[in-house]
Protein backbone atom coordinates (compact mmCIF):
# COMPACT_ATOMS: atom_id res chain seq x y z
CA MET A 1 86.34 131.39 97.77
CA ASP A 2 85.49 134.67 99.49
CA LEU A 3 85.88 135.29 103.22
CA ASN A 4 82.24 134.50 104.03
CA GLU A 5 82.51 131.13 102.31
CA VAL A 6 85.71 130.34 104.21
CA LEU A 7 84.10 131.26 107.55
CA LYS A 8 81.00 129.22 106.75
CA SER A 9 83.09 126.20 105.75
CA THR A 10 85.19 126.52 108.89
CA PHE A 11 82.04 126.60 111.01
CA LEU A 12 80.76 123.46 109.29
CA ILE A 13 83.82 121.44 110.32
CA THR A 14 83.69 122.41 114.02
CA PRO A 15 83.46 118.74 115.12
CA GLU A 16 86.83 118.01 113.52
CA LEU A 17 88.30 121.32 114.69
CA SER A 18 87.29 120.57 118.29
CA LEU A 19 89.44 117.43 118.23
CA ILE A 20 92.38 119.18 116.54
CA LEU A 21 92.30 122.07 119.03
CA THR A 22 92.08 119.66 121.96
CA GLY A 23 95.10 117.77 120.63
CA MET A 24 97.05 121.02 120.31
CA ILE A 25 96.11 122.01 123.87
CA LEU A 26 97.43 118.66 125.13
CA MET A 27 100.72 119.14 123.26
CA VAL A 28 101.16 122.59 124.84
CA LEU A 29 100.18 121.53 128.37
CA ASP A 30 102.12 118.26 128.48
CA PRO A 31 105.65 119.72 129.02
CA PHE A 32 104.45 121.95 131.88
CA ILE A 33 102.64 119.31 133.95
CA ARG A 34 104.38 117.17 136.53
CA ASN A 35 104.53 113.48 135.78
CA ARG A 36 102.15 112.45 138.55
CA PHE A 37 99.45 114.75 137.13
CA LYS A 38 99.87 113.79 133.47
CA LYS A 39 97.24 111.06 133.75
CA GLU A 40 94.63 113.79 134.26
CA LEU A 41 95.14 114.85 130.63
CA PHE A 42 92.75 112.00 129.93
CA TRP A 43 89.85 114.17 131.09
CA ILE A 44 90.71 116.92 128.60
CA THR A 45 90.83 114.31 125.84
CA ALA A 46 87.47 112.84 126.83
CA LEU A 47 85.92 116.32 126.96
CA GLY A 48 87.20 117.16 123.47
CA LEU A 49 85.78 113.92 122.08
CA LEU A 50 82.40 114.48 123.76
CA ILE A 51 82.21 118.00 122.33
CA GLY A 52 83.05 116.66 118.88
CA PHE A 53 80.36 113.98 119.28
CA ALA A 54 77.70 116.54 120.28
CA LEU A 55 78.59 118.88 117.40
CA ASN A 56 78.52 115.99 114.95
CA LEU A 57 74.91 115.10 115.83
CA ASN A 58 73.74 118.31 114.11
CA ARG A 59 74.91 116.88 110.77
CA PHE A 60 71.96 114.50 110.74
CA ARG A 61 69.77 117.57 110.14
CA TYR A 62 71.39 118.96 107.00
CA THR A 63 73.52 118.25 103.94
CA GLU A 64 76.17 120.84 103.13
CA SER A 65 79.40 121.10 101.17
CA ALA A 66 82.44 122.94 102.49
CA PHE A 67 85.52 124.54 100.95
CA ALA A 68 84.17 124.74 97.39
CA GLY A 69 82.81 121.21 97.31
CA THR A 70 85.96 119.60 98.69
CA LEU A 71 84.08 118.16 101.68
CA SER A 72 80.55 116.76 101.78
CA LEU A 73 78.96 117.06 105.24
CA ASP A 74 75.91 114.79 105.23
CA GLU A 75 74.34 111.93 107.18
CA PHE A 76 76.84 109.50 105.66
CA THR A 77 79.70 111.54 107.16
CA ALA A 78 77.88 111.98 110.47
CA TYR A 79 77.26 108.23 110.77
CA PHE A 80 80.91 107.34 110.28
CA ASN A 81 81.97 110.11 112.64
CA ILE A 82 79.89 108.45 115.36
CA ILE A 83 81.87 105.24 114.78
CA PHE A 84 85.20 107.10 114.93
CA ILE A 85 84.40 109.11 118.06
CA ILE A 86 82.85 106.20 119.98
CA GLY A 87 85.88 104.08 119.12
CA ALA A 88 88.34 106.84 120.10
CA LEU A 89 86.51 107.73 123.33
CA LEU A 90 86.21 104.18 124.64
CA ALA A 91 89.77 103.34 123.54
CA THR A 92 90.95 106.43 125.44
CA VAL A 93 89.06 105.41 128.58
CA ILE A 94 90.62 101.93 128.48
CA SER A 95 94.02 103.46 127.71
CA ARG A 96 94.17 105.49 130.91
CA ASP A 97 94.61 102.42 133.11
CA TYR A 98 96.69 100.64 130.48
CA ILE A 99 99.11 103.59 130.27
CA GLU A 100 99.42 103.62 134.06
CA LYS A 101 100.41 99.94 134.05
CA THR A 102 102.85 100.20 131.16
CA ALA A 103 104.29 103.64 132.07
CA LEU A 104 103.78 105.12 128.61
CA LYS A 105 103.57 108.87 128.04
CA HIS A 106 100.09 110.39 128.45
CA GLY A 107 99.96 113.69 126.57
CA GLU A 108 101.53 112.55 123.32
CA TYR A 109 99.41 109.40 123.26
CA TYR A 110 96.09 111.22 123.71
CA ALA A 111 97.04 113.93 121.21
CA LEU A 112 97.84 111.31 118.57
CA ILE A 113 94.48 109.62 119.19
CA LEU A 114 92.74 112.97 118.63
CA PHE A 115 94.71 113.87 115.49
CA SER A 116 94.14 110.43 114.02
CA THR A 117 90.39 110.61 114.73
CA SER A 118 90.13 114.07 113.17
CA GLY A 119 91.82 112.69 110.04
CA MET A 120 89.27 109.86 109.92
CA MET A 121 86.39 112.31 110.25
CA LEU A 122 87.64 114.55 107.46
CA LEU A 123 88.43 111.51 105.32
CA SER A 124 84.83 110.28 105.41
CA SER A 125 83.66 113.60 103.95
CA ALA A 126 86.35 114.07 101.26
CA ARG A 127 85.04 114.34 97.70
CA GLU A 128 88.24 115.17 95.86
CA PHE A 129 91.55 113.39 95.76
CA ILE A 130 93.93 116.02 97.17
CA SER A 131 92.04 116.51 100.42
CA LEU A 132 91.38 112.76 100.53
CA PHE A 133 95.09 111.97 100.39
CA LEU A 134 96.00 114.63 102.96
CA CYS A 135 93.36 113.33 105.39
CA PHE A 136 94.60 109.78 104.81
CA GLU A 137 98.09 110.87 105.83
CA ILE A 138 96.88 112.79 108.90
CA MET A 139 95.22 109.59 110.07
CA SER A 140 98.00 107.24 108.98
CA VAL A 141 101.03 109.11 110.36
CA SER A 142 99.39 109.35 113.78
CA VAL A 143 98.63 105.62 113.76
CA TYR A 144 102.18 104.77 112.61
CA ILE A 145 103.52 106.54 115.70
CA LEU A 146 100.94 104.95 118.00
CA SER A 147 101.74 101.43 116.78
CA GLY A 148 105.39 101.94 117.79
CA PHE A 149 104.58 103.98 120.88
CA ASN A 150 106.01 101.55 123.44
CA ARG A 151 109.68 102.25 122.75
CA ARG A 152 110.81 99.79 125.45
CA SER A 153 109.23 96.92 123.51
CA PRO A 154 111.18 95.66 120.46
CA ARG A 155 107.95 94.25 119.05
CA SER A 156 106.23 97.63 119.24
CA VAL A 157 109.16 99.42 117.57
CA GLU A 158 109.20 96.75 114.86
CA SER A 159 105.44 97.19 114.41
CA GLY A 160 105.80 100.94 113.96
CA ILE A 161 108.62 100.59 111.41
CA LYS A 162 106.78 97.91 109.42
CA TYR A 163 103.58 99.92 109.38
CA LEU A 164 105.44 103.05 108.30
CA VAL A 165 107.22 101.30 105.42
CA LEU A 166 104.27 99.25 104.19
CA GLY A 167 101.77 102.07 104.74
CA GLY A 168 104.02 104.47 102.85
CA PHE A 169 104.29 101.97 100.01
CA SER A 170 100.49 101.63 99.78
CA SER A 171 100.10 105.42 99.90
CA ALA A 172 102.54 105.72 96.99
CA ILE A 173 100.45 103.24 94.97
CA LEU A 174 97.30 105.18 95.81
CA LEU A 175 98.90 108.50 94.91
CA TYR A 176 100.21 107.18 91.60
CA GLY A 177 96.70 105.98 90.75
CA ILE A 178 95.32 109.42 91.61
CA ALA A 179 97.93 111.02 89.34
CA LEU A 180 96.89 108.81 86.43
CA ILE A 181 93.20 109.61 86.96
CA TYR A 182 94.01 113.33 87.10
CA GLY A 183 96.07 113.07 83.94
CA ALA A 184 93.19 111.37 82.12
CA SER A 185 90.30 113.50 83.43
CA GLY A 186 91.93 116.85 84.25
CA SER A 187 90.12 116.94 87.60
CA VAL A 188 90.48 115.64 91.14
CA PHE A 189 86.78 116.00 92.04
CA LEU A 190 84.90 112.70 92.10
CA ASP A 191 81.74 113.94 90.37
CA GLU A 192 83.75 115.48 87.52
CA ILE A 193 85.83 112.31 87.12
CA ALA A 194 82.62 110.27 86.89
CA SER A 195 81.19 112.54 84.17
CA ARG A 196 84.41 112.40 82.10
CA PHE A 197 85.22 108.71 82.59
CA ASN A 198 86.25 107.03 79.34
CA MET A 199 86.66 103.25 79.50
CA GLU A 200 88.69 103.26 76.29
CA ASN A 201 91.42 105.39 77.87
CA PRO A 202 94.04 103.07 79.46
CA LEU A 203 94.99 105.77 82.00
CA TYR A 204 91.55 105.49 83.57
CA ILE A 205 91.79 101.72 83.87
CA ALA A 206 95.35 101.76 85.24
CA GLY A 207 94.53 104.55 87.70
CA THR A 208 91.42 102.77 88.95
CA ALA A 209 93.37 99.53 89.42
CA LEU A 210 96.10 101.26 91.45
CA ILE A 211 93.57 103.12 93.61
CA LEU A 212 91.72 99.85 94.23
CA ALA A 213 95.00 98.20 95.27
CA GLY A 214 95.70 101.06 97.70
CA PHE A 215 92.28 100.70 99.31
CA VAL A 216 92.53 96.90 99.48
CA PHE A 217 95.70 97.38 101.55
CA LYS A 218 94.06 99.97 103.82
CA ILE A 219 91.06 97.77 104.64
CA GLY A 220 93.30 94.72 105.11
CA ALA A 221 91.76 92.52 102.41
CA PHE A 222 93.27 89.74 100.28
CA PRO A 223 95.86 89.74 98.73
CA LEU A 224 97.32 92.75 100.60
CA HIS A 225 96.44 91.58 104.10
CA GLN A 226 99.75 90.13 105.31
CA TRP A 227 100.75 93.25 107.26
CA ILE A 228 97.84 93.10 109.70
CA PRO A 229 98.92 90.23 112.03
CA ASP A 230 102.44 91.58 112.59
CA ILE A 231 101.32 95.19 113.10
CA TYR A 232 98.44 94.27 115.40
CA GLU A 233 100.58 91.89 117.43
CA GLY A 234 103.38 94.37 118.03
CA ALA A 235 101.35 97.50 118.76
CA PRO A 236 100.18 98.27 122.32
CA MET A 237 96.91 96.47 123.05
CA THR A 238 94.75 99.62 123.23
CA VAL A 239 96.27 100.97 120.01
CA THR A 240 95.49 97.68 118.28
CA GLY A 241 91.86 97.95 119.35
CA PHE A 242 91.62 101.54 118.16
CA MET A 243 93.30 100.77 114.82
CA SER A 244 91.19 97.70 114.17
CA VAL A 245 87.93 99.66 114.27
CA GLY A 246 88.84 103.25 113.36
CA VAL A 247 91.29 102.80 110.49
CA LYS A 248 89.21 100.01 108.94
CA ALA A 249 85.97 102.04 109.12
CA ALA A 250 87.70 105.12 107.66
CA ALA A 251 89.14 103.07 104.79
CA PHE A 252 85.70 101.64 103.99
CA ALA A 253 84.10 105.12 104.16
CA VAL A 254 86.47 106.62 101.60
CA PHE A 255 86.36 103.43 99.51
CA LEU A 256 82.57 103.81 99.19
CA ARG A 257 82.87 107.51 98.31
CA VAL A 258 85.51 107.03 95.63
CA PHE A 259 84.10 104.00 93.87
CA PHE A 260 80.40 104.82 94.04
CA GLU A 261 80.80 108.49 93.20
CA GLY A 262 83.92 108.55 91.03
CA PHE A 263 84.15 105.15 89.35
CA SER A 264 80.51 104.12 88.96
CA THR A 265 81.08 103.62 85.21
CA LEU A 266 83.23 100.56 86.00
CA GLU A 267 80.82 99.22 88.61
CA VAL A 268 80.28 95.87 86.89
CA GLN A 269 84.02 95.22 86.58
CA TRP A 270 85.12 96.18 90.08
CA MET A 271 82.15 94.41 91.66
CA GLN A 272 83.34 91.17 90.04
CA ILE A 273 86.82 91.76 91.42
CA LEU A 274 85.42 92.50 94.88
CA TRP A 275 83.40 89.25 94.76
CA VAL A 276 86.64 87.28 94.45
CA ILE A 277 88.48 89.45 97.00
CA SER A 278 85.64 89.01 99.51
CA VAL A 279 85.65 85.21 99.23
CA PHE A 280 89.43 84.89 99.65
CA THR A 281 89.52 87.49 102.44
CA MET A 282 86.88 85.68 104.52
CA THR A 283 88.33 82.23 103.93
CA ILE A 284 92.03 82.97 104.40
CA GLY A 285 91.38 85.13 107.48
CA ASN A 286 89.35 82.37 109.17
CA LEU A 287 91.67 79.52 108.24
CA ALA A 288 94.70 81.42 109.55
CA ALA A 289 92.89 82.39 112.78
CA ILE A 290 92.06 78.77 113.61
CA VAL A 291 95.70 77.76 114.16
CA GLN A 292 96.67 80.75 116.35
CA ARG A 293 97.37 80.33 120.07
CA SER A 294 97.85 84.05 120.55
CA ILE A 295 94.45 85.71 121.09
CA LYS A 296 95.84 89.00 119.83
CA ARG A 297 97.08 87.43 116.61
CA MET A 298 93.86 85.44 116.26
CA LEU A 299 91.83 88.66 116.49
CA ALA A 300 94.15 90.19 113.88
CA TYR A 301 93.38 87.40 111.41
CA SER A 302 89.70 87.54 112.30
CA SER A 303 89.70 91.26 111.47
CA ILE A 304 90.76 90.25 107.96
CA SER A 305 87.77 87.93 107.70
CA HIS A 306 85.45 90.69 108.97
CA ALA A 307 86.69 92.94 106.17
CA GLY A 308 85.55 90.17 103.85
CA TYR A 309 82.08 90.14 105.43
CA ALA A 310 81.79 93.90 104.93
CA LEU A 311 82.84 93.50 101.29
CA VAL A 312 79.90 91.10 100.84
CA GLY A 313 77.60 94.07 101.49
CA ILE A 314 79.45 96.23 98.95
CA VAL A 315 79.13 93.52 96.31
CA ALA A 316 75.44 93.08 97.15
CA SER A 317 74.86 96.80 96.58
CA TYR A 318 75.21 96.11 92.85
CA GLY A 319 71.71 94.60 92.91
CA GLU A 320 70.33 96.02 96.17
CA LYS A 321 72.04 99.39 96.55
CA GLU A 322 70.27 100.74 99.62
CA LEU A 323 70.16 97.43 101.52
CA GLY A 324 73.76 96.56 100.58
CA LEU A 325 75.25 99.90 101.59
CA SER A 326 73.16 100.04 104.76
CA SER A 327 74.41 96.60 105.76
CA VAL A 328 78.05 97.70 105.29
CA LEU A 329 77.54 100.81 107.42
CA TYR A 330 75.78 98.84 110.12
CA TYR A 331 78.42 96.11 110.09
CA LEU A 332 81.19 98.62 110.73
CA PHE A 333 79.15 100.14 113.57
CA ALA A 334 78.62 96.71 115.15
CA TYR A 335 82.27 95.79 114.65
CA THR A 336 83.30 98.80 116.75
CA PHE A 337 81.57 97.42 119.83
CA MET A 338 82.58 93.79 119.55
CA ASN A 339 86.19 94.11 118.40
CA LEU A 340 87.16 97.09 120.54
CA GLY A 341 85.54 95.27 123.46
CA ALA A 342 87.62 92.16 122.83
CA PHE A 343 90.90 94.10 122.68
CA GLY A 344 89.80 96.27 125.63
CA THR A 345 89.25 93.16 127.75
CA LEU A 346 92.74 91.89 126.92
CA ALA A 347 94.17 95.33 127.80
CA TYR A 348 92.29 95.19 131.12
CA LEU A 349 93.80 91.78 131.92
CA SER A 350 97.35 92.80 130.95
CA LEU A 351 99.99 93.24 133.63
CA LYS A 352 102.74 95.84 133.89
CA ASP A 353 105.40 93.63 132.32
CA ARG A 354 103.24 91.26 130.26
CA GLU A 355 100.31 91.68 127.91
CA CYS A 356 97.43 89.23 128.12
CA GLU A 357 97.57 87.73 124.65
CA MET A 358 97.96 83.95 124.85
CA LEU A 359 95.08 81.54 125.43
CA GLU A 360 96.71 80.32 128.66
CA ASP A 361 96.71 83.90 130.01
CA ILE A 362 92.93 83.88 130.43
CA SER A 363 92.67 80.41 132.00
CA GLY A 364 90.50 80.52 135.13
CA LEU A 365 89.06 83.95 134.32
CA TRP A 366 85.53 82.84 135.26
CA GLN A 367 86.63 81.85 138.79
CA ARG A 368 88.65 85.00 139.47
CA LYS A 369 86.81 87.74 137.53
CA PRO A 370 83.34 86.49 136.52
CA LEU A 371 82.04 89.85 135.26
CA VAL A 372 85.02 90.26 132.95
CA ALA A 373 84.51 86.68 131.76
CA ILE A 374 80.86 87.45 130.96
CA ALA A 375 81.89 90.55 128.98
CA LEU A 376 84.49 88.52 127.07
CA GLY A 377 81.81 85.93 126.32
CA ILE A 378 79.51 88.59 124.88
CA PHE A 379 82.28 89.90 122.61
CA MET A 380 83.25 86.42 121.38
CA PHE A 381 79.60 85.49 120.74
CA SER A 382 79.10 88.75 118.86
CA LEU A 383 82.21 88.28 116.71
CA ALA A 384 81.02 84.76 115.90
CA GLY A 385 77.57 86.08 114.94
CA ILE A 386 75.63 84.22 117.63
CA PRO A 387 72.26 85.72 118.71
CA PRO A 388 71.13 87.84 120.47
CA THR A 389 74.25 89.97 120.01
CA ILE A 390 74.78 92.86 117.59
CA GLY A 391 77.19 90.73 115.57
CA PHE A 392 74.40 88.32 114.65
CA PHE A 393 72.15 91.09 113.36
CA ALA A 394 75.03 92.70 111.43
CA LYS A 395 75.95 89.44 109.69
CA TYR A 396 72.28 88.69 109.06
CA ARG A 397 71.86 92.00 107.23
CA VAL A 398 75.01 91.55 105.16
CA PHE A 399 74.11 88.03 104.05
CA LEU A 400 70.47 88.99 103.49
CA SER A 401 71.55 91.78 101.16
CA ALA A 402 73.64 89.28 99.16
CA ILE A 403 70.67 86.91 98.89
CA ARG A 404 68.30 89.72 97.85
CA ALA A 405 70.82 90.75 95.17
CA GLU A 406 70.94 87.10 94.02
CA PHE A 407 74.58 86.57 94.96
CA TYR A 408 73.65 83.20 96.43
CA TRP A 409 77.07 81.58 96.33
CA LEU A 410 78.66 84.60 97.99
CA ALA A 411 76.08 84.43 100.79
CA ILE A 412 76.62 80.67 101.22
CA ILE A 413 80.40 81.05 101.39
CA GLY A 414 80.00 83.90 103.90
CA ILE A 415 77.67 81.85 106.13
CA LEU A 416 80.01 78.83 106.03
CA ASN A 417 82.93 81.08 106.99
CA SER A 418 80.91 82.50 109.86
CA VAL A 419 80.22 78.98 111.12
CA LEU A 420 83.93 78.16 110.77
CA SER A 421 84.89 81.23 112.83
CA ALA A 422 82.77 80.04 115.76
CA TYR A 423 85.44 77.40 116.48
CA TYR A 424 88.24 79.77 117.39
CA TYR A 425 86.01 82.33 119.13
CA LEU A 426 84.45 79.67 121.36
CA ARG A 427 87.90 78.17 122.04
CA VAL A 428 88.74 81.41 123.85
CA LEU A 429 85.75 80.84 126.15
CA VAL A 430 86.82 77.24 126.80
CA TYR A 431 90.04 78.58 128.32
CA ALA A 432 88.25 81.36 130.20
CA TYR A 433 85.50 79.18 131.68
CA MET A 434 86.75 75.58 131.75
CA ARG A 435 90.47 75.73 132.51
CA GLU A 436 92.26 76.21 135.82
CA GLU A 437 94.01 79.50 136.50
CA GLN A 438 97.63 79.59 135.32
CA MET A 439 98.51 83.29 135.37
CA GLU A 440 98.09 86.21 137.76
CA PHE A 441 95.27 88.68 137.09
CA PRO A 442 95.59 92.45 137.70
CA ALA A 443 93.81 94.51 140.36
CA PRO A 444 90.47 96.17 139.52
CA GLN A 445 90.62 99.15 137.16
CA PRO A 446 87.39 101.19 137.47
CA LEU A 447 87.63 103.27 134.29
CA SER A 448 88.55 100.33 132.07
CA ALA A 449 85.82 98.24 133.67
CA PHE A 450 83.33 101.02 132.90
CA ALA A 451 84.34 101.15 129.22
CA ILE A 452 84.18 97.35 128.89
CA ALA A 453 80.73 97.37 130.52
CA ILE A 454 79.51 100.00 128.02
CA LEU A 455 80.87 98.00 125.08
CA SER A 456 79.42 94.69 126.29
CA LEU A 457 76.01 96.21 127.05
CA GLY A 458 76.06 97.91 123.66
CA ALA A 459 76.90 94.64 121.90
CA LEU A 460 74.06 92.90 123.75
CA ILE A 461 71.30 95.53 123.92
CA LEU A 462 71.78 96.73 120.34
CA GLY A 463 71.55 93.10 119.28
CA ILE A 464 68.25 92.60 121.13
CA PHE A 465 66.84 95.95 119.97
CA PRO A 466 68.60 96.62 116.65
CA LEU A 467 65.99 98.55 114.71
CA TYR A 468 66.84 102.13 115.74
CA SER A 469 70.55 101.77 114.94
CA TRP A 470 69.61 99.96 111.71
CA GLU A 471 67.28 102.80 110.66
CA LEU A 472 70.14 105.25 111.28
CA ALA A 473 72.32 103.23 108.90
CA ILE A 474 69.54 103.26 106.28
CA LYS A 475 69.26 107.05 106.54
CA ALA A 476 73.02 107.47 106.25
CA ALA A 477 73.15 105.21 103.18
CA GLY A 478 70.17 107.00 101.66
CA SER A 479 71.93 110.37 101.89
CA PHE A 480 74.90 108.88 100.05
CA ILE A 481 73.11 107.10 97.19
CA PRO A 482 72.82 109.40 94.12
């Protein structure tokens, strides 16, 4: 590439660069600021995320490639970037009060959020395996550190170590698969791999299988889902919320890019595999969530089942490509509001020396904090897929796409699993609304309350008026479909 091409490509990734530069500024400023002023670093973080969000909106107006076709900057990328930035911004707002209560370090925490989000944004646009793997590691290493960020908590340290070891193992599987594909095709670019794909070459089949296994781990689907409950339970509450929406959405974004652009020749085969994975992921996630008394662990298992619901849309895209892909994109958007809101509410209710994670911890919430109880009700209803919340419309679109593609049994199994999940989501509300108070509740936290209000209103209003956000998902999917 010549200098002009480098400058043009650099200009095209200004949304990601704004987050990286903000993170670097925080790392430089943090050692020079007195402890009592470190909480104000939150405002720099929020400003960097808002700038990145504004710059990203321009991507809905054009489709460009950067750095010699390494990155594809289109509406598909812009749509996922909205999910990442909204998730990071609202998680950061909730984190400010949470960090004050738990006495964690401010600057490092916010910088890691920014670096991880920038990795997610670049990952959604990657169209060749080297940049894809590097972006995966930028995101993953930051999240490994965040999951073990509370060094005073043995559970948090254990979570960080487990995530590092298991995540490194999955990355090695993914990288070995990439190496096999490169050895067979002589290229790391997805479009070139697709044009040279030879089903008779065992290296292609083995490489595809290993890459699929790596992605199944990243999205937390069966049979590589066992890490999620332990990691989610041990990580700080706000980090768990951020991971559950950001990392999952990023993994799905790159999964769609790789398999629809690079491995379309094997579409029939891997769709059949995903059909089975989707069924087991939904069912095992819901059955395990039913028996949990820890809300945090219950939400961890439910996140596994939600990965299964999203996979229903991917399978349905075999017969209804636009509707199936649109439903996946919209589901991940909806999941950001309802799941981050649920974890954000638990972070709001946590005390300095104790996280709010058991069912008994929210007993009497309606009597003491009715507005927080209403917000929690909206999030639980949305996760269960009860109208008029955004979760209902998201599940409706996913199951409708499966029916339109004539995957009737997959749709039926998904609907039955959704009905099953209502039991453990509504059980949370039984404790919040119908039990006497057993635990102390914290003092009001204005910033966290504001973020929870935004998330709950988003989950409700976007469920009542879903068409604009749905049309945005259709446009994003349309820009991605060849």
